[in-house]
Amino acid sequence: MRWIAITLAAALSGCADIPAYLVQPDQLHAQAAPATRERDGHAVLLKGGSFMPTSEPALPDGRVRVRGPGRHSALWKAGLGVTLIGWAMAITGAAIGIAGAARTICSDFRSCPDSPRTREGYRMFYAGITIGPIGDAATVVGPALMSAGARLKPVELDEPR
């Protein structure tokens, strides 16, 4: 359970260093929005749909602060899906592997003679040790995708004229 918490914390930590831009509220849904980069005050043109307004109140001049899509991006959502599917596959693979191993053991804890039950147990065991590591790999790749999606920055088109 600790591993799950650490994985999610690492995936969500990517949101910390996303640059902020200041945009007029009527420009939020435009194809290209003139904006001011908050860090250095440069005027830039942002691609529409590559940013979202923050929950912070508007500035006195009416402009709102926007950042990249973060956890609302398709990449972050794909990473979440891969992570959840990976957890399901890892748990399923472990259960199938354990059930298969249990079918190969007789009541006296020795290997059973060759029988249909034993052959089925070996097939289940090998299926489990194939499915489980695939789920483990997805559990590592998913949070990496989530982190990459959380770090997406708004797309700067060019300097406005």
C-alpha atoms as a PDB file:
ATOM      1  CA  MET A   1       0.000   0.000   0.000  1.00  0.00           C
ATOM      2  CA  ARG A   2       2.912   2.317   0.695  1.00  0.00           C
ATOM      3  CA  TRP A   3       4.166   1.755  -2.862  1.00  0.00           C
ATOM      4  CA  ILE A   4       0.827   2.997  -4.260  1.00  0.00           C
ATOM      5  CA  ALA A   5       0.994   6.169  -2.158  1.00  0.00           C
ATOM      6  CA  ILE A   6       4.600   6.855  -3.186  1.00  0.00           C
ATOM      7  CA  THR A   7       3.774   6.273  -6.859  1.00  0.00           C
ATOM      8  CA  LEU A   8       0.812   8.647  -6.833  1.00  0.00           C
ATOM      9  CA  ALA A   9       2.727  11.295  -4.897  1.00  0.00           C
ATOM     10  CA  ALA A  10       5.541  11.157  -7.453  1.00  0.00           C
ATOM     11  CA  ALA A  11       3.071  11.445 -10.327  1.00  0.00           C
ATOM     12  CA  LEU A  12       1.308  14.442  -8.815  1.00  0.00           C
ATOM     13  CA  SER A  13       4.513  16.237  -7.827  1.00  0.00           C
ATOM     14  CA  GLY A  14       5.105  17.201 -11.451  1.00  0.00           C
ATOM     15  CA  CYS A  15       2.605  20.070 -11.198  1.00  0.00           C
ATOM     16  CA  ALA A  16       4.892  22.289  -9.120  1.00  0.00           C
ATOM     17  CA  ASP A  17       7.000  24.112 -11.735  1.00  0.00           C
ATOM     18  CA  ILE A  18       4.537  24.970 -14.512  1.00  0.00           C
ATOM     19  CA  PRO A  19       4.913  28.556 -15.788  1.00  0.00           C
ATOM     20  CA  ALA A  20       1.931  30.846 -15.343  1.00  0.00           C
ATOM     21  CA  TYR A  21       0.557  33.272 -17.897  1.00  0.00           C
ATOM     22  CA  LEU A  22      -1.886  36.154 -17.567  1.00  0.00           C
ATOM     23  CA  VAL A  23      -4.771  36.213 -20.057  1.00  0.00           C
ATOM     24  CA  GLN A  24      -7.908  38.327 -20.469  1.00  0.00           C
ATOM     25  CA  PRO A  25     -11.010  36.255 -19.528  1.00  0.00           C
ATOM     26  CA  ASP A  26     -12.644  36.783 -22.932  1.00  0.00           C
ATOM     27  CA  GLN A  27      -9.586  35.174 -24.601  1.00  0.00           C
ATOM     28  CA  LEU A  28      -9.792  31.863 -22.691  1.00  0.00           C
ATOM     29  CA  HIS A  29     -11.564  30.004 -25.493  1.00  0.00           C
ATOM     30  CA  ALA A  30      -9.883  31.682 -28.481  1.00  0.00           C
ATOM     31  CA  GLN A  31      -7.777  29.777 -31.033  1.00  0.00           C
ATOM     32  CA  ALA A  32      -4.783  31.901 -30.046  1.00  0.00           C
ATOM     33  CA  ALA A  33      -4.751  34.051 -26.929  1.00  0.00           C
ATOM     34  CA  PRO A  34      -2.396  36.967 -26.328  1.00  0.00           C
ATOM     35  CA  ALA A  35      -0.855  36.507 -22.900  1.00  0.00           C
ATOM     36  CA  THR A  36       1.862  37.817 -20.636  1.00  0.00           C
ATOM     37  CA  ARG A  37       4.376  35.355 -19.195  1.00  0.00           C
ATOM     38  CA  GLU A  38       4.210  36.002 -15.457  1.00  0.00           C
ATOM     39  CA  ARG A  39       7.807  35.050 -14.740  1.00  0.00           C
ATOM     40  CA  ASP A  40       9.457  37.653 -16.981  1.00  0.00           C
ATOM     41  CA  GLY A  41       6.598  39.839 -18.270  1.00  0.00           C
ATOM     42  CA  HIS A  42       7.138  38.964 -21.980  1.00  0.00           C
ATOM     43  CA  ALA A  43       4.115  39.110 -24.254  1.00  0.00           C
ATOM     44  CA  VAL A  44       3.445  35.767 -25.964  1.00  0.00           C
ATOM     45  CA  LEU A  45       0.712  34.145 -28.009  1.00  0.00           C
ATOM     46  CA  LEU A  46      -0.718  30.931 -26.482  1.00  0.00           C
ATOM     47  CA  LYS A  47      -2.340  28.172 -28.492  1.00  0.00           C
ATOM     48  CA  GLY A  48      -6.005  27.798 -27.547  1.00  0.00           C
ATOM     49  CA  GLY A  49      -6.792  24.626 -25.605  1.00  0.00           C
ATOM     50  CA  SER A  50      -3.229  24.252 -24.323  1.00  0.00           C
ATOM     51  CA  PHE A  51      -3.976  26.058 -21.058  1.00  0.00           C
ATOM     52  CA  MET A  52      -6.578  26.208 -18.320  1.00  0.00           C
ATOM     53  CA  PRO A  53      -7.440  28.990 -15.869  1.00  0.00           C
ATOM     54  CA  THR A  54      -6.395  28.444 -12.275  1.00  0.00           C
ATOM     55  CA  SER A  55      -8.788  28.682  -9.340  1.00  0.00           C
ATOM     56  CA  GLU A  56      -7.068  31.850  -8.114  1.00  0.00           C
ATOM     57  CA  PRO A  57      -9.096  35.082  -8.254  1.00  0.00           C
ATOM     58  CA  ALA A  58      -8.629  37.486 -11.148  1.00  0.00           C
ATOM     59  CA  LEU A  59      -6.047  40.252 -10.835  1.00  0.00           C
ATOM     60  CA  PRO A  60      -7.224  43.860 -10.275  1.00  0.00           C
ATOM     61  CA  ASP A  61      -6.839  44.598 -14.008  1.00  0.00           C
ATOM     62  CA  GLY A  62      -9.211  41.691 -14.836  1.00  0.00           C
ATOM     63  CA  ARG A  63      -6.638  39.245 -16.194  1.00  0.00           C
ATOM     64  CA  VAL A  64      -6.723  35.624 -15.008  1.00  0.00           C
ATOM     65  CA  ARG A  65      -3.782  33.317 -14.353  1.00  0.00           C
ATOM     66  CA  VAL A  66      -3.574  30.245 -16.612  1.00  0.00           C
ATOM     67  CA  ARG A  67      -1.289  27.208 -16.630  1.00  0.00           C
ATOM     68  CA  GLY A  68      -0.943  24.000 -18.644  1.00  0.00           C
ATOM     69  CA  PRO A  69      -3.770  21.442 -18.584  1.00  0.00           C
ATOM     70  CA  GLY A  70      -2.079  19.345 -15.836  1.00  0.00           C
ATOM     71  CA  ARG A  71      -4.298  16.527 -14.597  1.00  0.00           C
ATOM     72  CA  HIS A  72      -6.919  17.453 -17.184  1.00  0.00           C
ATOM     73  CA  SER A  73      -4.605  16.546 -20.066  1.00  0.00           C
ATOM     74  CA  ALA A  74      -5.111  13.441 -22.173  1.00  0.00           C
ATOM     75  CA  LEU A  75      -1.596  12.235 -21.289  1.00  0.00           C
ATOM     76  CA  TRP A  76      -2.296  12.388 -17.534  1.00  0.00           C
ATOM     77  CA  LYS A  77      -5.590  10.532 -17.981  1.00  0.00           C
ATOM     78  CA  ALA A  78      -3.896   7.878 -20.124  1.00  0.00           C
ATOM     79  CA  GLY A  79      -1.264   7.414 -17.421  1.00  0.00           C
ATOM     80  CA  LEU A  80      -3.983   6.965 -14.809  1.00  0.00           C
ATOM     81  CA  GLY A  81      -5.675   4.354 -16.992  1.00  0.00           C
ATOM     82  CA  VAL A  82      -2.406   2.473 -17.563  1.00  0.00           C
ATOM     83  CA  THR A  83      -1.696   2.539 -13.808  1.00  0.00           C
ATOM     84  CA  LEU A  84      -5.121   1.185 -12.858  1.00  0.00           C
ATOM     85  CA  ILE A  85      -4.973  -1.516 -15.528  1.00  0.00           C
ATOM     86  CA  GLY A  86      -1.452  -2.394 -14.351  1.00  0.00           C
ATOM     87  CA  TRP A  87      -2.635  -2.812 -10.763  1.00  0.00           C
ATOM     88  CA  ALA A  88      -5.495  -5.043 -11.930  1.00  0.00           C
ATOM     89  CA  MET A  89      -3.161  -7.144 -14.077  1.00  0.00           C
ATOM     90  CA  ALA A  90      -0.578  -7.506 -11.301  1.00  0.00           C
ATOM     91  CA  ILE A  91      -3.194  -8.651  -8.806  1.00  0.00           C
ATOM     92  CA  THR A  92      -4.845 -10.980 -11.336  1.00  0.00           C
ATOM     93  CA  GLY A  93      -1.500 -12.470 -12.368  1.00  0.00           C
ATOM     94  CA  ALA A  94      -0.558 -13.123  -8.743  1.00  0.00           C
ATOM     95  CA  ALA A  95      -3.924 -14.755  -8.015  1.00  0.00           C
ATOM     96  CA  ILE A  96      -3.768 -16.968 -11.112  1.00  0.00           C
ATOM     97  CA  GLY A  97      -0.161 -17.943 -10.365  1.00  0.00           C
ATOM     98  CA  ILE A  98      -0.951 -18.866  -6.760  1.00  0.00           C
ATOM     99  CA  ALA A  99      -4.051 -20.822  -7.792  1.00  0.00           C
ATOM    100  CA  GLY A 100      -2.066 -22.669 -10.442  1.00  0.00           C
ATOM    101  CA  ALA A 101       0.726 -23.507  -8.010  1.00  0.00           C
ATOM    102  CA  ALA A 102      -1.848 -24.815  -5.535  1.00  0.00           C
ATOM    103  CA  ARG A 103      -3.259 -27.184  -8.182  1.00  0.00           C
ATOM    104  CA  THR A 104       0.135 -28.845  -8.675  1.00  0.00           C
ATOM    105  CA  ILE A 105       0.487 -29.826  -5.011  1.00  0.00           C
ATOM    106  CA  CYS A 106      -1.206 -32.945  -3.670  1.00  0.00           C
ATOM    107  CA  SER A 107      -2.567 -33.335  -0.162  1.00  0.00           C
ATOM    108  CA  ASP A 108       0.748 -34.656   1.143  1.00  0.00           C
ATOM    109  CA  PHE A 109       2.579 -31.557  -0.186  1.00  0.00           C
ATOM    110  CA  ARG A 110       4.478 -33.475  -2.801  1.00  0.00           C
ATOM    111  CA  SER A 111       4.209 -33.034  -6.504  1.00  0.00           C
ATOM    112  CA  CYS A 112       1.174 -34.811  -7.879  1.00  0.00           C
ATOM    113  CA  PRO A 113       1.536 -37.438 -10.561  1.00  0.00           C
ATOM    114  CA  ASP A 114       0.875 -36.331 -14.101  1.00  0.00           C
ATOM    115  CA  SER A 115      -2.846 -35.661 -14.329  1.00  0.00           C
ATOM    116  CA  PRO A 116      -5.158 -33.206 -16.104  1.00  0.00           C
ATOM    117  CA  ARG A 117      -5.428 -31.221 -12.850  1.00  0.00           C
ATOM    118  CA  THR A 118      -1.623 -30.915 -12.596  1.00  0.00           C
ATOM    119  CA  ARG A 119      -1.244 -29.892 -16.257  1.00  0.00           C
ATOM    120  CA  GLU A 120      -3.963 -27.271 -15.787  1.00  0.00           C
ATOM    121  CA  GLY A 121      -2.172 -26.017 -12.669  1.00  0.00           C
ATOM    122  CA  TYR A 122       1.093 -25.560 -14.562  1.00  0.00           C
ATOM    123  CA  ARG A 123      -0.697 -23.667 -17.350  1.00  0.00           C
ATOM    124  CA  MET A 124      -2.320 -21.399 -14.766  1.00  0.00           C
ATOM    125  CA  PHE A 125       0.984 -20.875 -12.971  1.00  0.00           C
ATOM    126  CA  TYR A 126       2.797 -19.896 -16.178  1.00  0.00           C
ATOM    127  CA  ALA A 127      -0.068 -17.621 -17.202  1.00  0.00           C
ATOM    128  CA  GLY A 128       0.168 -15.930 -13.805  1.00  0.00           C
ATOM    129  CA  ILE A 129       3.905 -15.377 -14.022  1.00  0.00           C
ATOM    130  CA  THR A 130       3.381 -13.891 -17.498  1.00  0.00           C
ATOM    131  CA  ILE A 131       0.470 -11.570 -16.631  1.00  0.00           C
ATOM    132  CA  GLY A 132       1.881 -10.350 -13.290  1.00  0.00           C
ATOM    133  CA  PRO A 133       5.111  -8.768 -14.594  1.00  0.00           C
ATOM    134  CA  ILE A 134       3.239  -7.081 -17.445  1.00  0.00           C
ATOM    135  CA  GLY A 135       1.014  -5.485 -14.796  1.00  0.00           C
ATOM    136  CA  ASP A 136       4.078  -4.518 -12.769  1.00  0.00           C
ATOM    137  CA  ALA A 137       5.615  -2.806 -15.809  1.00  0.00           C
ATOM    138  CA  ALA A 138       2.372  -0.922 -16.468  1.00  0.00           C
ATOM    139  CA  THR A 139       2.365   0.175 -12.825  1.00  0.00           C
ATOM    140  CA  VAL A 140       5.746   1.815 -13.446  1.00  0.00           C
ATOM    141  CA  VAL A 141       4.955   3.293 -16.884  1.00  0.00           C
ATOM    142  CA  GLY A 142       1.554   4.723 -15.854  1.00  0.00           C
ATOM    143  CA  PRO A 143       2.846   7.147 -13.205  1.00  0.00           C
ATOM    144  CA  ALA A 144       5.596   8.264 -15.600  1.00  0.00           C
ATOM    145  CA  LEU A 145       2.888   9.201 -18.116  1.00  0.00           C
ATOM    146  CA  MET A 146       0.902  10.916 -15.372  1.00  0.00           C
ATOM    147  CA  SER A 147       3.944  12.953 -14.379  1.00  0.00           C
ATOM    148  CA  ALA A 148       4.637  13.925 -17.999  1.00  0.00           C
ATOM    149  CA  GLY A 149       1.001  14.981 -18.435  1.00  0.00           C
ATOM    150  CA  ALA A 150       1.045  16.992 -15.219  1.00  0.00           C
ATOM    151  CA  ARG A 151       4.105  18.904 -16.449  1.00  0.00           C
ATOM    152  CA  LEU A 152       2.622  19.939 -19.792  1.00  0.00           C
ATOM    153  CA  LYS A 153       3.121  23.653 -20.356  1.00  0.00           C
ATOM    154  CA  PRO A 154       0.927  25.927 -22.439  1.00  0.00           C
ATOM    155  CA  VAL A 155       2.041  26.025 -26.064  1.00  0.00           C
ATOM    156  CA  GLU A 156       3.635  29.370 -27.004  1.00  0.00           C
ATOM    157  CA  LEU A 157       3.049  30.085 -30.687  1.00  0.00           C
ATOM    158  CA  ASP A 158       5.248  33.165 -31.119  1.00  0.00           C
ATOM    159  CA  GLU A 159       5.604  36.777 -30.083  1.00  0.00           C
ATOM    160  CA  PRO A 160       2.477  38.853 -30.794  1.00  0.00           C
ATOM    161  CA  ARG A 161       2.847  41.845 -33.105  1.00  0.00           C
END
